[in-house]
């Protein structure tokens, strides 16, 4: 009987260790995080310190904006560099500019936190 009582007390702790916890709302996919960190390190230096700072930076960005918003803003930002008449819409629409501005502000905040 005593064994059952001990098991009942330990069960929640065991489950907490074995079962994955709830995902954070702003978790970014691993390839996106890796791409961000690799790009950041390419710009700032390929050192252990930059690895830490660049990892901090994407963590800061993800704490500021949800992944869906990040993905949309990144897409618009990339399309702004495209050529042709149809690409102009990505440079001119106010709503799209606002998306990119939000991403840039998140990156500025990340720079303050991490660099």
Protein backbone atom coordinates (compact mmCIF):
# COMPACT_ATOMS: atom_id res chain seq x y z
CA UNK A 1 0.00 0.00 0.00
CA UNK A 2 2.86 2.32 0.82
CA UNK A 3 4.36 1.74 -2.64
CA UNK A 4 1.14 2.90 -4.31
CA UNK A 5 1.13 6.10 -2.27
CA UNK A 6 4.73 6.84 -3.25
CA UNK A 7 3.95 6.12 -6.90
CA UNK A 8 0.93 8.42 -6.75
CA UNK A 9 3.15 11.19 -5.39
CA UNK A 10 5.87 10.64 -7.98
CA UNK A 11 3.60 10.22 -11.01
CA UNK A 12 3.21 13.96 -11.77
CA UNK A 13 6.97 14.50 -11.55
CA UNK A 14 7.67 11.52 -13.80
CA UNK A 15 5.12 12.70 -16.35
CA UNK A 16 6.60 16.20 -16.31
CA UNK A 17 9.99 14.76 -17.19
CA UNK A 18 8.80 12.28 -19.81
CA UNK A 19 6.11 14.26 -21.62
CA UNK A 20 7.04 17.35 -23.63
CA UNK A 21 5.80 20.62 -22.22
CA UNK A 22 3.48 22.93 -24.10
CA UNK A 23 5.09 24.75 -26.98
CA UNK A 24 5.60 28.46 -26.61
CA UNK A 25 3.27 30.51 -28.76
CA UNK A 26 6.14 32.10 -30.67
CA UNK A 27 8.30 29.07 -31.36
CA UNK A 28 9.94 29.44 -34.74
CA UNK A 29 10.77 26.38 -36.88
CA UNK A 30 14.33 25.16 -36.40
CA UNK A 31 15.39 25.81 -40.05
CA UNK A 32 14.23 29.44 -39.72
CA UNK A 33 16.20 29.90 -36.49
CA UNK A 34 19.27 28.29 -38.05
CA UNK A 35 18.99 30.46 -41.18
CA UNK A 36 18.71 33.61 -39.06
CA UNK A 37 21.70 32.68 -36.89
CA UNK A 38 23.84 31.70 -39.90
CA UNK A 39 23.00 34.98 -41.67
CA UNK A 40 23.66 36.97 -38.52
CA UNK A 41 27.02 35.28 -38.01
CA UNK A 42 27.96 35.83 -41.66
CA UNK A 43 27.39 39.55 -41.10
CA UNK A 44 28.94 39.86 -37.64
CA UNK A 45 31.66 37.24 -37.44
CA UNK A 46 31.85 33.50 -37.06
CA UNK A 47 32.85 33.29 -33.42
CA UNK A 48 31.40 31.61 -30.35
CA UNK A 49 30.46 35.04 -29.00
CA UNK A 50 28.53 35.87 -32.19
CA UNK A 51 26.80 32.49 -32.06
CA UNK A 52 25.53 33.41 -28.59
CA UNK A 53 24.56 36.94 -29.61
CA UNK A 54 22.84 35.86 -32.83
CA UNK A 55 20.94 33.12 -31.00
CA UNK A 56 19.87 35.70 -28.44
CA UNK A 57 18.76 37.96 -31.28
CA UNK A 58 16.36 35.47 -32.87
CA UNK A 59 15.03 34.60 -29.42
CA UNK A 60 14.35 38.30 -28.84
CA UNK A 61 12.65 38.69 -32.22
CA UNK A 62 10.49 35.63 -31.53
CA UNK A 63 9.46 37.08 -28.17
CA UNK A 64 8.31 40.27 -29.91
CA UNK A 65 6.48 38.94 -32.94
CA UNK A 66 4.69 35.66 -33.69
CA UNK A 67 6.18 33.42 -36.35
CA UNK A 68 3.32 34.03 -38.80
CA UNK A 69 3.98 37.79 -38.71
CA UNK A 70 7.73 37.22 -39.02
CA UNK A 71 7.25 34.96 -42.04
CA UNK A 72 4.99 37.48 -43.79
CA UNK A 73 7.36 40.38 -43.11
CA UNK A 74 10.38 38.38 -44.32
CA UNK A 75 8.52 37.48 -47.51
CA UNK A 76 7.59 41.11 -48.17
CA UNK A 77 11.16 42.21 -47.43
CA UNK A 78 12.55 39.72 -49.95
CA UNK A 79 9.98 40.69 -52.56
CA UNK A 80 10.92 44.36 -52.18
CA UNK A 81 14.27 43.50 -53.74
CA UNK A 82 12.67 41.81 -56.76
CA UNK A 83 12.63 43.57 -60.09
CA UNK A 84 9.74 44.29 -62.41
CA UNK A 85 6.45 46.13 -62.29
CA UNK A 86 4.67 43.61 -60.10
CA UNK A 87 7.37 43.79 -57.43
CA UNK A 88 6.63 47.49 -56.99
CA UNK A 89 3.50 46.68 -55.03
CA UNK A 90 5.69 45.28 -52.24
CA UNK A 91 7.52 48.60 -51.99
CA UNK A 92 4.47 50.87 -52.21
CA UNK A 93 1.61 49.37 -50.17
CA UNK A 94 1.37 50.93 -46.72
CA UNK A 95 0.21 47.72 -45.03
CA UNK A 96 3.20 45.83 -46.40
CA UNK A 97 5.59 48.61 -45.38
CA UNK A 98 4.13 48.39 -41.87
CA UNK A 99 4.87 44.65 -41.73
CA UNK A 100 8.50 45.26 -42.66
CA UNK A 101 8.76 48.17 -40.21
CA UNK A 102 7.50 45.90 -37.42
CA UNK A 103 10.18 43.34 -38.26
CA UNK A 104 12.88 46.01 -38.36
CA UNK A 105 11.76 47.37 -34.98
CA UNK A 106 11.89 43.85 -33.53
CA UNK A 107 15.42 43.46 -34.90
CA UNK A 108 16.46 46.81 -33.41
CA UNK A 109 15.10 45.73 -30.03
CA UNK A 110 16.96 42.43 -30.41
CA UNK A 111 20.17 44.37 -31.10
CA UNK A 112 19.69 46.35 -27.89
CA UNK A 113 19.11 43.17 -25.90
CA UNK A 114 21.87 41.06 -27.39
CA UNK A 115 24.64 43.19 -28.89
